[in-house]
Amino acid sequence: MGSPPFSGLFSFSLETALGFFYGQSQEIVYKDNSDKYLSELLWDMKPLLYYGSALSVRARPPSWSVSFYTNLSVKLGIPGRSGIIEDRDWMNPEKDYLTHFSSHDSYVEGAWFFDGDLGASFHLNPGGAFNPALSVFGRVSYMELKWLARDGYTRYGVNSNLPKIILLPWEDSDSFPKIDISGPGIQYTQRWFVVSPGIAASFPISNFFELDCAFTVSPFIWAAAEDLHLLTNMQYNDYPRGGLALEPEIRALFFPNSRCSLSLRVSWRYISGAKGHTWIKTMNSETYTVGGIVGAGFDALDTGISFKVYF
């Protein structure tokens, strides 16, 4: 049976999905203009549950072995506890060792994922019982995630409060005083816009099963982040660019009949190397000052099940 056959020039499908992301987002501050870290915050999605839907439209002129398609999908994260947020600092101006560590509960307050594909599929055996297809496509992706860090604790170097700051290496956490934190501390929003080329392949296995795979890779990355430090009343706006984004995906489909399918999908979304400047102000001020070099990253496994109806 495989993918439902065309009954005309156009075919449509509607899909509903449930799934989860498992991974973390990265917030980085660099020392001066080097690649050494001054600060790194890791925001968990362990897991981030979501629900979503997708619309697909495909066109295939009669007797052509090529079809054209567009897919639009949206996933909405379910707010709630999503693990922890860990904050590490390398604050000694002369030595490159860890000086500060803190850990807090991480709560996702909102998450939105939008993907749009436009591509062409080349059918290798039109009309045959076994008709694999190869595809080339372009993808536009937008992600927005908002976290809140609350409660938890800090462990800082024992000499960090002296008039002459001498930050000790963070080698033995038990030798650092543990200070419990209560209530909200940081609110962090991260946004991504990525444009990617991609390739895909579809392999019918039997009348009822099909295996699809896809891969995208891109340096066309734009990010924006807003970091609100609620206890110190400071706001940091970051604008990283560039780096590398990639996403391999595999999907197994089951067709109980010609008009619907069930699928299991696994993908890995990875973004690294984006860098830019930060702008700083107090939260009650309108004036920003330019800060240092910052970065951002995203690394998560995306696993979901879906039900699709074809028209």
Protein backbone atom coordinates (compact mmCIF):
# COMPACT_ATOMS: atom_id res chain seq x y z
CA MET A 1 0.00 0.00 0.00
CA GLY A 2 2.74 2.50 1.01
CA SER A 3 2.14 6.20 0.54
CA PRO A 4 -1.40 6.92 -0.66
CA PRO A 5 -1.59 7.30 -4.45
CA PHE A 6 -2.48 10.57 -6.15
CA SER A 7 -6.11 10.87 -7.19
CA GLY A 8 -5.51 14.12 -9.10
CA LEU A 9 -3.10 16.98 -9.47
CA PHE A 10 -3.11 17.77 -5.73
CA SER A 11 -3.23 15.74 -2.53
CA PHE A 12 -3.48 16.97 1.06
CA SER A 13 -2.82 15.56 4.51
CA LEU A 14 -3.50 16.66 8.07
CA GLU A 15 -1.44 15.33 10.97
CA THR A 16 -1.66 15.49 14.75
CA ALA A 17 1.30 14.61 16.97
CA LEU A 18 2.47 14.10 20.55
CA GLY A 19 6.09 13.95 21.62
CA PHE A 20 8.91 15.30 23.73
CA PHE A 21 12.27 17.05 23.45
CA TYR A 22 15.07 15.74 25.66
CA GLY A 23 18.18 17.91 25.86
CA GLN A 24 19.21 21.43 26.81
CA SER A 25 19.81 24.94 25.57
CA GLN A 26 23.10 26.71 26.15
CA GLU A 27 23.77 30.32 27.16
CA ILE A 28 27.43 31.43 26.97
CA VAL A 29 29.46 34.52 27.88
CA TYR A 30 33.03 34.59 26.53
CA LYS A 31 36.15 36.09 28.11
CA ASP A 32 37.08 39.23 26.15
CA ASN A 33 37.31 38.23 22.47
CA SER A 34 38.60 34.71 23.10
CA ASP A 35 36.90 31.32 22.87
CA LYS A 36 37.31 30.78 26.64
CA TYR A 37 34.16 30.75 28.73
CA LEU A 38 33.45 33.40 31.32
CA SER A 39 30.02 31.92 32.06
CA GLU A 40 27.90 29.00 30.83
CA LEU A 41 24.26 28.31 31.69
CA LEU A 42 22.61 25.03 30.68
CA TRP A 43 18.79 25.10 30.58
CA ASP A 44 17.24 21.63 30.71
CA MET A 45 14.46 20.15 28.62
CA LYS A 46 14.38 16.77 30.39
CA PRO A 47 11.80 16.33 29.10
CA LEU A 48 9.79 19.04 27.37
CA LEU A 49 6.44 17.53 26.33
CA TYR A 50 4.63 18.93 23.30
CA TYR A 51 1.61 18.49 21.08
CA GLY A 52 1.37 19.62 17.49
CA SER A 53 -0.20 19.49 14.06
CA ALA A 54 0.92 19.69 10.44
CA LEU A 55 -0.53 20.39 7.00
CA SER A 56 1.01 18.98 3.81
CA VAL A 57 0.16 19.77 0.18
CA ARG A 58 1.62 17.81 -2.73
CA ALA A 59 1.27 18.41 -6.48
CA ARG A 60 2.18 15.94 -9.20
CA PRO A 61 1.36 16.65 -12.85
CA PRO A 62 0.00 13.63 -14.76
CA SER A 63 2.66 11.26 -16.11
CA TRP A 64 5.43 13.14 -14.28
CA SER A 65 7.91 11.27 -12.10
CA VAL A 66 8.47 14.44 -10.03
CA SER A 67 6.11 15.82 -7.37
CA PHE A 68 6.31 19.12 -5.51
CA TYR A 69 5.31 19.57 -1.90
CA THR A 70 5.10 21.91 1.05
CA ASN A 71 4.81 20.97 4.73
CA LEU A 72 3.86 23.33 7.55
CA SER A 73 4.08 22.14 11.16
CA VAL A 74 3.70 23.63 14.63
CA LYS A 75 4.59 22.15 18.03
CA LEU A 76 3.56 23.71 21.33
CA GLY A 77 5.46 22.85 24.50
CA ILE A 78 3.54 22.05 27.67
CA PRO A 79 4.61 24.39 30.52
CA GLY A 80 6.03 22.77 33.66
CA ARG A 81 9.13 21.54 35.43
CA SER A 82 11.80 20.56 32.92
CA GLY A 83 14.82 19.55 35.01
CA ILE A 84 17.47 21.97 36.31
CA ILE A 85 19.50 24.93 35.17
CA GLU A 86 23.22 24.85 35.97
CA ASP A 87 25.34 28.01 35.97
CA ARG A 88 29.15 27.83 35.85
CA ASP A 89 31.57 30.78 35.95
CA TRP A 90 35.31 31.14 35.29
CA MET A 91 35.71 34.52 36.97
CA ASN A 92 39.40 34.61 37.87
CA PRO A 93 40.94 37.23 35.53
CA GLU A 94 44.33 35.52 35.42
CA LYS A 95 43.58 31.80 35.74
CA ASP A 96 41.33 29.60 33.62
CA TYR A 97 39.57 27.51 36.24
CA LEU A 98 36.01 27.17 37.49
CA THR A 99 35.19 29.52 40.38
CA HIS A 100 31.38 29.55 40.72
CA PHE A 101 28.61 26.99 40.45
CA SER A 102 24.87 27.16 41.03
CA SER A 103 21.92 24.87 40.38
CA HIS A 104 18.24 25.77 40.28
CA ASP A 105 14.97 24.16 39.30
CA SER A 106 14.11 24.86 35.66
CA TYR A 107 10.54 25.55 34.54
CA VAL A 108 9.46 25.93 30.93
CA GLU A 109 6.90 28.75 30.78
CA GLY A 110 6.34 28.54 27.03
CA ALA A 111 7.75 26.82 23.93
CA TRP A 112 6.85 27.18 20.24
CA PHE A 113 8.35 25.32 17.26
CA PHE A 114 7.43 26.18 13.65
CA ASP A 115 8.82 24.45 10.53
CA GLY A 116 8.03 25.02 6.88
CA ASP A 117 9.39 22.86 4.03
CA LEU A 118 9.25 23.43 0.27
CA GLY A 119 10.68 20.73 -1.95
CA ALA A 120 10.57 18.31 -4.88
CA SER A 121 10.47 14.49 -4.84
CA PHE A 122 11.88 12.34 -7.63
CA HIS A 123 10.08 8.98 -7.86
CA LEU A 124 12.46 6.28 -9.01
CA ASN A 125 9.91 3.67 -10.13
CA PRO A 126 6.58 5.41 -10.89
CA GLY A 127 3.68 3.00 -10.95
CA GLY A 128 5.77 0.11 -9.66
CA ALA A 129 5.11 -1.94 -6.54
CA PHE A 130 8.36 -0.64 -5.07
CA ASN A 131 8.63 3.10 -5.69
CA PRO A 132 11.31 4.80 -3.58
CA ALA A 133 11.72 8.56 -3.82
CA LEU A 134 14.53 11.03 -3.29
CA SER A 135 13.78 14.63 -2.30
CA VAL A 136 15.54 17.98 -2.09
CA PHE A 137 13.98 20.75 -0.05
CA GLY A 138 14.47 23.98 1.84
CA ARG A 139 13.35 24.44 5.43
CA VAL A 140 12.59 27.53 7.49
CA SER A 141 12.53 26.90 11.27
CA TYR A 142 11.56 29.18 14.15
CA MET A 143 11.85 28.22 17.82
CA GLU A 144 11.01 30.23 20.92
CA LEU A 145 11.55 28.91 24.45
CA LYS A 146 11.02 30.65 27.77
CA TRP A 147 12.35 29.36 31.11
CA LEU A 148 12.19 30.39 34.75
CA ALA A 149 14.94 29.42 37.23
CA ARG A 150 13.87 29.28 40.87
CA ASP A 151 14.97 27.90 44.25
CA GLY A 152 18.14 25.78 44.31
CA TYR A 153 21.55 26.83 45.67
CA THR A 154 24.88 28.52 44.93
CA ARG A 155 28.47 27.46 45.75
CA TYR A 156 31.04 30.23 45.24
CA GLY A 157 34.72 30.53 46.09
CA VAL A 158 35.28 31.10 49.83
CA ASN A 159 37.44 34.20 49.23
CA SER A 160 35.21 35.84 46.64
CA ASN A 161 33.91 38.49 49.07
CA LEU A 162 37.25 39.86 50.28
CA PRO A 163 38.17 43.49 49.43
CA LYS A 164 40.81 42.05 47.13
CA ILE A 165 38.93 39.42 45.15
CA ILE A 166 40.79 36.11 45.14
CA LEU A 167 38.67 33.48 43.43
CA LEU A 168 39.60 29.92 44.31
CA PRO A 169 39.33 27.00 41.87
CA TRP A 170 36.12 25.01 42.14
CA GLU A 171 37.80 21.67 42.74
CA ASP A 172 36.03 20.34 45.83
CA SER A 173 32.42 21.50 46.09
CA ASP A 174 32.21 20.51 49.78
CA SER A 175 34.79 23.18 50.66
CA PHE A 176 32.57 25.94 49.24
CA PRO A 177 29.70 27.33 51.31
CA LYS A 178 26.30 26.19 50.06
CA ILE A 179 23.76 29.02 50.04
CA ASP A 180 20.14 28.03 49.49
CA ILE A 181 18.05 30.20 47.16
CA SER A 182 14.28 30.60 47.47
CA GLY A 183 11.95 31.96 44.81
CA PRO A 184 12.51 33.00 41.17
CA GLY A 185 15.97 34.15 40.12
CA ILE A 186 16.35 34.23 36.32
CA GLN A 187 13.90 34.42 33.43
CA TYR A 188 15.46 33.44 30.10
CA THR A 189 13.95 33.55 26.60
CA GLN A 190 15.75 32.09 23.59
CA ARG A 191 14.62 32.52 19.96
CA TRP A 192 16.05 30.84 16.86
CA PHE A 193 15.50 31.41 13.13
CA VAL A 194 17.25 28.95 10.81
CA VAL A 195 17.12 28.50 7.02
CA SER A 196 18.37 25.07 5.90
CA PRO A 197 18.74 23.06 2.71
CA GLY A 198 17.95 19.37 3.07
CA ILE A 199 17.72 15.98 1.41
CA ALA A 200 15.30 13.14 2.12
CA ALA A 201 14.51 9.60 1.00
CA SER A 202 11.40 7.40 1.20
CA PHE A 203 11.50 3.60 1.06
CA PRO A 204 8.32 1.49 0.91
CA ILE A 205 9.03 -1.77 2.75
CA SER A 206 5.73 -3.56 2.13
CA ASN A 207 2.10 -2.81 1.40
CA PHE A 208 1.73 -1.48 4.94
CA PHE A 209 5.10 -0.06 6.01
CA GLU A 210 7.42 2.70 4.86
CA LEU A 211 10.70 4.12 6.13
CA ASP A 212 11.54 7.81 5.61
CA CYS A 213 14.72 9.69 6.47
CA ALA A 214 15.87 13.29 6.09
CA PHE A 215 18.85 15.48 6.85
CA THR A 216 19.33 19.27 7.00
CA VAL A 217 22.49 21.28 7.63
CA SER A 218 22.99 25.05 7.62
CA PRO A 219 25.16 28.01 8.72
CA PHE A 220 22.23 30.42 8.21
CA ILE A 221 21.35 30.97 11.86
CA TRP A 222 19.94 34.00 13.66
CA ALA A 223 19.23 33.98 17.39
CA ALA A 224 18.02 36.42 20.02
CA ALA A 225 17.90 35.94 23.78
CA GLU A 226 16.56 37.95 26.70
CA ASP A 227 18.10 37.24 30.10
CA LEU A 228 16.37 38.85 33.09
CA HIS A 229 18.22 38.60 36.43
CA LEU A 230 15.36 39.24 38.81
CA LEU A 231 17.43 39.48 42.01
CA THR A 232 19.86 42.08 40.63
CA ASN A 233 17.34 43.89 38.36
CA MET A 234 19.60 43.47 35.30
CA GLN A 235 18.58 42.69 31.71
CA TYR A 236 20.82 41.23 29.01
CA ASN A 237 19.78 41.07 25.35
CA ASP A 238 21.95 38.77 23.19
CA TYR A 239 22.11 38.55 19.39
CA PRO A 240 24.21 35.53 18.29
CA ARG A 241 24.59 34.68 14.60
CA GLY A 242 26.13 31.95 12.46
CA GLY A 243 27.52 28.63 13.64
CA LEU A 244 26.20 25.26 12.50
CA ALA A 245 22.71 23.76 12.62
CA LEU A 246 21.95 20.18 11.67
CA GLU A 247 19.03 17.80 12.04
CA PRO A 248 18.97 14.12 11.01
CA GLU A 249 15.53 12.47 11.15
CA ILE A 250 14.09 9.00 10.68
CA ARG A 251 10.40 8.05 10.56
CA ALA A 252 8.68 4.66 10.43
CA LEU A 253 5.14 4.67 9.02
CA PHE A 254 2.32 2.12 9.19
CA PHE A 255 -0.60 2.36 6.73
CA PRO A 256 -3.70 0.46 7.97
CA ASN A 257 -5.47 1.67 4.81
CA SER A 258 -4.92 4.09 1.92
CA ARG A 259 -6.30 7.13 3.76
CA CYS A 260 -4.40 7.24 7.06
CA SER A 261 -1.08 6.38 8.67
CA LEU A 262 0.52 6.04 12.08
CA SER A 263 4.17 6.99 12.50
CA LEU A 264 7.03 7.04 14.98
CA ARG A 265 9.59 9.77 14.40
CA VAL A 266 13.01 10.43 15.97
CA SER A 267 15.22 13.41 15.14
CA TRP A 268 18.15 15.24 16.68
CA ARG A 269 18.22 19.04 16.47
CA TYR A 270 21.66 20.53 17.13
CA ILE A 271 22.82 24.16 16.93
CA SER A 272 26.30 25.28 17.99
CA GLY A 273 28.79 28.08 17.44
CA ALA A 274 26.43 31.06 17.22
CA LYS A 275 28.12 34.23 18.52
CA GLY A 276 27.30 37.91 18.86
CA HIS A 277 27.19 40.91 21.20
CA THR A 278 25.10 41.45 24.30
CA TRP A 279 23.36 44.68 25.29
CA ILE A 280 22.90 45.48 29.00
CA LYS A 281 20.58 47.68 31.04
CA THR A 282 18.75 47.79 34.33
CA MET A 283 15.17 46.57 33.96
CA ASN A 284 13.68 49.98 34.78
CA SER A 285 15.95 51.82 32.32
CA GLU A 286 15.51 52.54 28.61
CA THR A 287 19.23 52.91 27.86
CA TYR A 288 21.40 49.96 26.82
CA THR A 289 25.18 49.70 26.87
CA VAL A 290 27.05 47.26 24.66
CA GLY A 291 28.66 44.33 26.48
CA GLY A 292 30.97 41.50 25.52
CA ILE A 293 30.77 38.50 23.21
CA VAL A 294 28.05 35.93 23.92
CA GLY A 295 26.90 32.68 22.39
CA ALA A 296 24.00 30.25 22.36
CA GLY A 297 23.34 26.61 21.54
CA PHE A 298 20.56 24.03 21.32
CA ASP A 299 20.96 20.24 21.57
CA ALA A 300 17.91 17.99 21.90
CA LEU A 301 16.46 14.66 20.81
CA ASP A 302 12.92 15.00 19.43
CA THR A 303 10.76 11.86 19.66
CA GLY A 304 7.08 11.77 18.68
CA ILE A 305 4.14 9.73 17.45
CA SER A 306 1.58 11.02 14.98
CA PHE A 307 -1.63 10.18 13.13
CA LYS A 308 -2.11 11.45 9.57
CA VAL A 309 -5.19 11.55 7.35
CA TYR A 310 -4.85 11.87 3.54
CA PHE A 311 -7.30 13.57 1.18
